[in-house]
Amino acid sequence: MTRLLGPVLLLAMLPLAVTTSASSDDRSYAAASAPPRGVVERRVIGTSVGGRPIRAWRLGQPGKRRVVLVSTMHGNEPHTRQILTSLRDGRRIRGIDLWVIPTYNPDGLARHSRRNAHGVDLNRNYPYDWVDLDGNHESGPRPGSEPETRAVMRFLRRIDPQRLIGFHQPLNGVDTDTKDSGFARRLARALRLPRTRLDCGGLCHGTMTGWFNANFKGAALTVEYAAHPSWRRMTIEAPRQLLGVLGAHRAR
């Protein structure tokens, strides 16, 4: 009895491991000796205000057309990161050089907040048409003030993708009023989402896509899903649809 009691008491005294939804997209692999078989490279591209890592995962074939997918810029829009983690965790991707950032705003995700730990809307913090906004769209004290913004800006400058797609919720549509409207229309059709114009009621200030389209040869656009898309749509249908419209496929 004494032999059994000792280990039980010892385990009871150990601190419990605390996990949050902010790390659920890469909890299985952050400390693993080997990444999922479809991953070519993984990087910590920066840290959040709260010190949480912002991770990018490289999939596909280096040397092919470069594509970057970004999700969870707003922490209260958590569902679309399942699209990116499903792409990462499945079979190898062929036909494109794909990078995914499933959790752009890990502090916001942990608190289920649109904004980061400084209370800044990261999609109003970019140095393009930036203005001083308050409230739910607080744009920060200056353009590029937030560590998350600067991390993603550095990453995009290094990768220089041909396509950048940002996933959001809950407006349910693909912004076709963008740099490459033809691709945006094809993407809307492939994802079975309505075409729309995401203009923030006039002009969107300080957005990632606006900054990218003004400063890179490639084209960026925004995809919005509804508030509660199904698990099947996020993990099975949307990843398959995305690969198809991007000219990619899974290895057999």
Protein backbone atom coordinates (compact mmCIF):
# COMPACT_ATOMS: atom_id res chain seq x y z
CA MET A 1 0.00 0.00 0.00
CA THR A 2 2.86 2.37 0.89
CA ARG A 3 4.57 1.70 -2.42
CA LEU A 4 1.45 2.73 -4.31
CA LEU A 5 0.64 5.72 -2.15
CA GLY A 6 3.99 7.44 -2.70
CA PRO A 7 3.68 7.93 -6.49
CA VAL A 8 0.01 8.87 -6.15
CA LEU A 9 0.78 11.61 -3.66
CA LEU A 10 3.68 12.81 -5.78
CA LEU A 11 1.46 13.11 -8.86
CA ALA A 12 -1.19 14.94 -6.87
CA MET A 13 1.35 17.54 -5.80
CA LEU A 14 2.64 18.22 -9.31
CA PRO A 15 1.28 21.39 -10.97
CA LEU A 16 -1.29 20.79 -13.67
CA ALA A 17 -0.30 21.63 -17.22
CA VAL A 18 -2.33 24.56 -18.46
CA THR A 19 -3.31 24.74 -22.11
CA THR A 20 -5.40 27.28 -23.92
CA SER A 21 -7.11 27.37 -27.27
CA ALA A 22 -4.39 29.76 -28.44
CA SER A 23 -1.95 26.87 -28.82
CA SER A 24 -4.31 24.10 -29.89
CA ASP A 25 -3.41 24.41 -33.56
CA ASP A 26 0.22 23.45 -32.94
CA ARG A 27 0.20 21.90 -29.47
CA SER A 28 0.84 18.43 -30.90
CA TYR A 29 3.90 19.47 -32.87
CA ALA A 30 5.56 22.42 -31.12
CA ALA A 31 7.75 20.15 -29.01
CA ALA A 32 7.74 17.11 -31.28
CA SER A 33 10.99 15.77 -32.64
CA ALA A 34 9.49 15.35 -36.09
CA PRO A 35 6.84 17.58 -37.71
CA PRO A 36 3.85 16.22 -39.66
CA ARG A 37 4.99 14.52 -42.85
CA GLY A 38 3.54 17.28 -45.02
CA VAL A 39 5.62 20.01 -43.36
CA VAL A 40 8.76 21.14 -45.16
CA GLU A 41 9.78 23.81 -42.67
CA ARG A 42 8.43 25.49 -39.56
CA ARG A 43 9.38 28.89 -38.18
CA VAL A 44 8.57 31.05 -35.21
CA ILE A 45 8.26 34.36 -37.06
CA GLY A 46 7.73 36.49 -33.96
CA THR A 47 5.99 36.69 -30.61
CA SER A 48 2.80 38.34 -29.44
CA VAL A 49 2.50 41.07 -26.82
CA GLY A 50 1.99 38.30 -24.26
CA GLY A 51 5.06 36.37 -25.44
CA ARG A 52 3.21 33.65 -27.33
CA PRO A 53 4.93 32.37 -30.49
CA ILE A 54 3.53 33.14 -33.94
CA ARG A 55 4.28 30.09 -36.07
CA ALA A 56 4.45 29.68 -39.83
CA TRP A 57 4.47 26.24 -41.45
CA ARG A 58 5.83 25.60 -44.92
CA LEU A 59 4.06 22.98 -47.00
CA GLY A 60 4.29 21.93 -50.61
CA GLN A 61 7.22 22.32 -52.96
CA PRO A 62 9.87 25.04 -52.58
CA GLY A 63 10.54 26.66 -55.94
CA LYS A 64 6.90 26.55 -57.01
CA ARG A 65 4.50 29.52 -56.89
CA ARG A 66 4.52 30.97 -53.37
CA VAL A 67 1.23 31.28 -51.49
CA VAL A 68 0.63 32.44 -47.91
CA LEU A 69 -2.56 31.75 -45.96
CA VAL A 70 -3.27 33.63 -42.72
CA SER A 71 -5.99 33.05 -40.13
CA THR A 72 -7.10 34.24 -36.69
CA MET A 73 -5.93 37.82 -37.05
CA HIS A 74 -8.95 38.47 -34.84
CA GLY A 75 -9.07 36.15 -31.84
CA ASN A 76 -12.85 35.92 -31.81
CA GLU A 77 -12.83 34.42 -35.33
CA PRO A 78 -11.35 31.01 -34.51
CA HIS A 79 -12.92 28.56 -36.94
CA THR A 80 -10.97 29.21 -40.15
CA ARG A 81 -7.66 28.17 -38.62
CA GLN A 82 -8.97 24.62 -38.96
CA ILE A 83 -8.60 25.03 -42.73
CA LEU A 84 -4.91 25.80 -42.32
CA THR A 85 -4.15 23.12 -39.74
CA SER A 86 -5.93 20.54 -41.90
CA LEU A 87 -3.72 21.52 -44.84
CA ARG A 88 -0.68 21.20 -42.59
CA ASP A 89 -1.57 17.88 -41.01
CA GLY A 90 -2.57 15.96 -44.13
CA ARG A 91 -0.57 14.35 -46.91
CA ARG A 92 2.14 16.31 -48.71
CA ILE A 93 1.02 19.10 -51.01
CA ARG A 94 2.26 19.33 -54.59
CA GLY A 95 2.11 22.13 -57.14
CA ILE A 96 2.69 25.22 -54.95
CA ASP A 97 5.08 26.47 -52.27
CA LEU A 98 2.57 27.02 -49.46
CA TRP A 99 3.02 28.75 -46.09
CA VAL A 100 0.28 28.80 -43.45
CA ILE A 101 -0.03 30.95 -40.32
CA PRO A 102 -2.99 29.41 -38.47
CA THR A 103 -2.88 31.74 -35.46
CA TYR A 104 -1.80 35.32 -36.20
CA ASN A 105 -3.20 36.71 -32.91
CA PRO A 106 -2.59 34.09 -30.19
CA ASP A 107 -3.29 36.49 -27.31
CA GLY A 108 -6.65 37.47 -28.79
CA LEU A 109 -7.50 33.81 -29.37
CA ALA A 110 -6.71 32.95 -25.75
CA ARG A 111 -9.05 35.73 -24.57
CA HIS A 112 -11.61 35.28 -27.36
CA SER A 113 -11.01 38.93 -28.25
CA ARG A 114 -10.90 40.61 -31.64
CA ARG A 115 -7.91 42.65 -30.54
CA ASN A 116 -4.45 41.79 -29.25
CA ALA A 117 -3.28 42.15 -25.65
CA HIS A 118 -2.71 45.90 -26.16
CA GLY A 119 -6.33 46.23 -27.27
CA VAL A 120 -5.36 46.89 -30.90
CA ASP A 121 -7.20 45.58 -33.95
CA LEU A 122 -4.27 44.11 -35.88
CA ASN A 123 -6.11 44.56 -39.18
CA ARG A 124 -6.12 48.32 -38.67
CA ASN A 125 -2.45 48.59 -37.64
CA TYR A 126 -0.69 48.34 -41.02
CA PRO A 127 1.17 51.33 -42.48
CA TYR A 128 -1.19 51.86 -45.41
CA ASP A 129 -4.01 54.41 -45.21
CA TRP A 130 -3.61 54.20 -41.43
CA VAL A 131 -5.74 56.55 -39.33
CA ASP A 132 -6.20 56.89 -35.59
CA LEU A 133 -9.25 54.73 -34.84
CA ASP A 134 -10.81 53.99 -31.46
CA GLY A 135 -13.21 51.44 -30.05
CA ASN A 136 -13.53 47.96 -31.49
CA HIS A 137 -11.26 48.95 -34.41
CA GLU A 138 -8.59 50.61 -32.27
CA SER A 139 -5.67 51.07 -34.67
CA GLY A 140 -2.86 51.53 -32.15
CA PRO A 141 -0.70 54.54 -31.31
CA ARG A 142 1.00 54.50 -34.72
CA PRO A 143 1.21 52.34 -37.87
CA GLY A 144 2.99 49.05 -37.26
CA SER A 145 3.07 49.59 -33.51
CA GLU A 146 2.25 45.97 -32.62
CA PRO A 147 4.77 43.11 -32.49
CA GLU A 148 2.36 40.80 -34.31
CA THR A 149 2.06 43.27 -37.19
CA ARG A 150 5.81 43.73 -37.47
CA ALA A 151 6.42 39.97 -37.37
CA VAL A 152 4.05 39.29 -40.26
CA MET A 153 5.35 42.26 -42.27
CA ARG A 154 8.92 40.91 -41.94
CA PHE A 155 7.78 37.44 -42.90
CA LEU A 156 5.90 38.61 -46.00
CA ARG A 157 8.86 40.68 -47.15
CA ARG A 158 11.09 37.61 -46.91
CA ILE A 159 8.68 35.22 -48.60
CA ASP A 160 7.29 37.70 -51.18
CA PRO A 161 4.33 35.47 -52.13
CA GLN A 162 2.42 35.63 -55.38
CA ARG A 163 -0.82 35.20 -53.43
CA LEU A 164 -1.81 36.13 -49.88
CA ILE A 165 -5.22 35.09 -48.54
CA GLY A 166 -6.50 36.25 -45.16
CA PHE A 167 -9.37 34.28 -43.58
CA HIS A 168 -11.93 35.98 -41.37
CA GLN A 169 -15.46 35.67 -39.98
CA PRO A 170 -18.42 36.26 -39.97
CA LEU A 171 -19.31 38.28 -43.11
CA ASN A 172 -19.57 35.24 -45.41
CA GLY A 173 -18.11 36.23 -48.75
CA VAL A 174 -15.00 36.73 -50.86
CA ASP A 175 -13.85 40.28 -51.52
CA THR A 176 -13.79 40.59 -55.31
CA ASP A 177 -13.02 44.33 -55.31
CA THR A 178 -9.31 43.66 -55.13
CA LYS A 179 -6.06 43.58 -57.08
CA ASP A 180 -6.76 40.31 -58.91
CA SER A 181 -10.54 40.28 -59.23
CA GLY A 182 -10.49 37.36 -61.66
CA PHE A 183 -8.83 35.07 -59.14
CA ALA A 184 -11.13 36.39 -56.40
CA ARG A 185 -14.18 35.38 -58.45
CA ARG A 186 -12.73 31.92 -59.09
CA LEU A 187 -11.97 31.56 -55.39
CA ALA A 188 -15.51 32.54 -54.41
CA ARG A 189 -16.90 29.98 -56.83
CA ALA A 190 -14.54 27.25 -55.57
CA LEU A 191 -15.28 27.93 -51.89
CA ARG A 192 -19.02 28.29 -52.58
CA LEU A 193 -19.10 31.73 -51.01
CA PRO A 194 -20.85 34.86 -52.29
CA ARG A 195 -18.89 37.56 -54.07
CA THR A 196 -18.86 40.73 -52.03
CA ARG A 197 -17.17 44.06 -51.53
CA LEU A 198 -15.51 44.39 -48.14
CA ASP A 199 -14.97 48.14 -48.05
CA CYS A 200 -15.69 48.84 -44.36
CA GLY A 201 -18.49 51.16 -45.40
CA GLY A 202 -16.16 53.32 -47.48
CA LEU A 203 -12.44 52.69 -47.02
CA CYS A 204 -10.67 50.09 -44.89
CA HIS A 205 -7.77 51.71 -43.07
CA GLY A 206 -4.53 50.00 -42.08
CA THR A 207 -5.35 46.50 -43.35
CA MET A 208 -2.92 43.71 -44.17
CA THR A 209 -4.34 43.18 -47.66
CA GLY A 210 -4.28 46.90 -48.46
CA TRP A 211 -0.64 47.19 -47.36
CA PHE A 212 0.37 44.08 -49.28
CA ASN A 213 -1.39 45.06 -52.51
CA ALA A 214 0.23 48.49 -52.43
CA ASN A 215 3.76 47.22 -51.79
CA PHE A 216 4.15 43.84 -53.53
CA LYS A 217 3.76 42.48 -57.02
CA GLY A 218 1.57 39.68 -55.69
CA ALA A 219 -2.12 39.98 -54.87
CA ALA A 220 -3.87 39.72 -51.51
CA LEU A 221 -7.53 39.24 -50.75
CA THR A 222 -9.90 38.52 -47.87
CA VAL A 223 -12.16 35.51 -47.44
CA GLU A 224 -14.96 35.68 -44.86
CA TYR A 225 -16.84 32.65 -43.60
CA ALA A 226 -20.02 32.79 -41.53
CA ALA A 227 -19.98 32.83 -37.73
CA HIS A 228 -20.40 29.08 -37.28
CA PRO A 229 -19.19 27.08 -40.29
CA SER A 230 -19.39 23.33 -39.90
CA TRP A 231 -16.42 21.23 -38.86
CA ARG A 232 -16.66 19.29 -42.13
CA ARG A 233 -16.55 22.48 -44.18
CA MET A 234 -13.46 23.76 -42.37
CA THR A 235 -11.48 20.53 -42.20
CA ILE A 236 -12.45 18.64 -45.36
CA GLU A 237 -14.28 20.73 -47.95
CA ALA A 238 -12.44 24.09 -47.77
CA PRO A 239 -8.91 22.62 -47.78
CA ARG A 240 -9.75 20.52 -50.85
CA GLN A 241 -11.43 23.46 -52.60
CA LEU A 242 -8.47 25.75 -51.87
CA LEU A 243 -5.92 23.32 -53.26
CA GLY A 244 -7.96 22.95 -56.41
CA VAL A 245 -8.29 26.66 -57.16
CA LEU A 246 -4.60 27.22 -56.33
CA GLY A 247 -3.53 24.52 -58.81
CA ALA A 248 -2.26 22.18 -56.11
CA HIS A 249 -3.03 18.67 -54.92
CA ARG A 250 -2.19 16.13 -52.26
CA ALA A 251 0.50 13.53 -52.90
CA ARG A 252 -0.87 10.01 -53.24
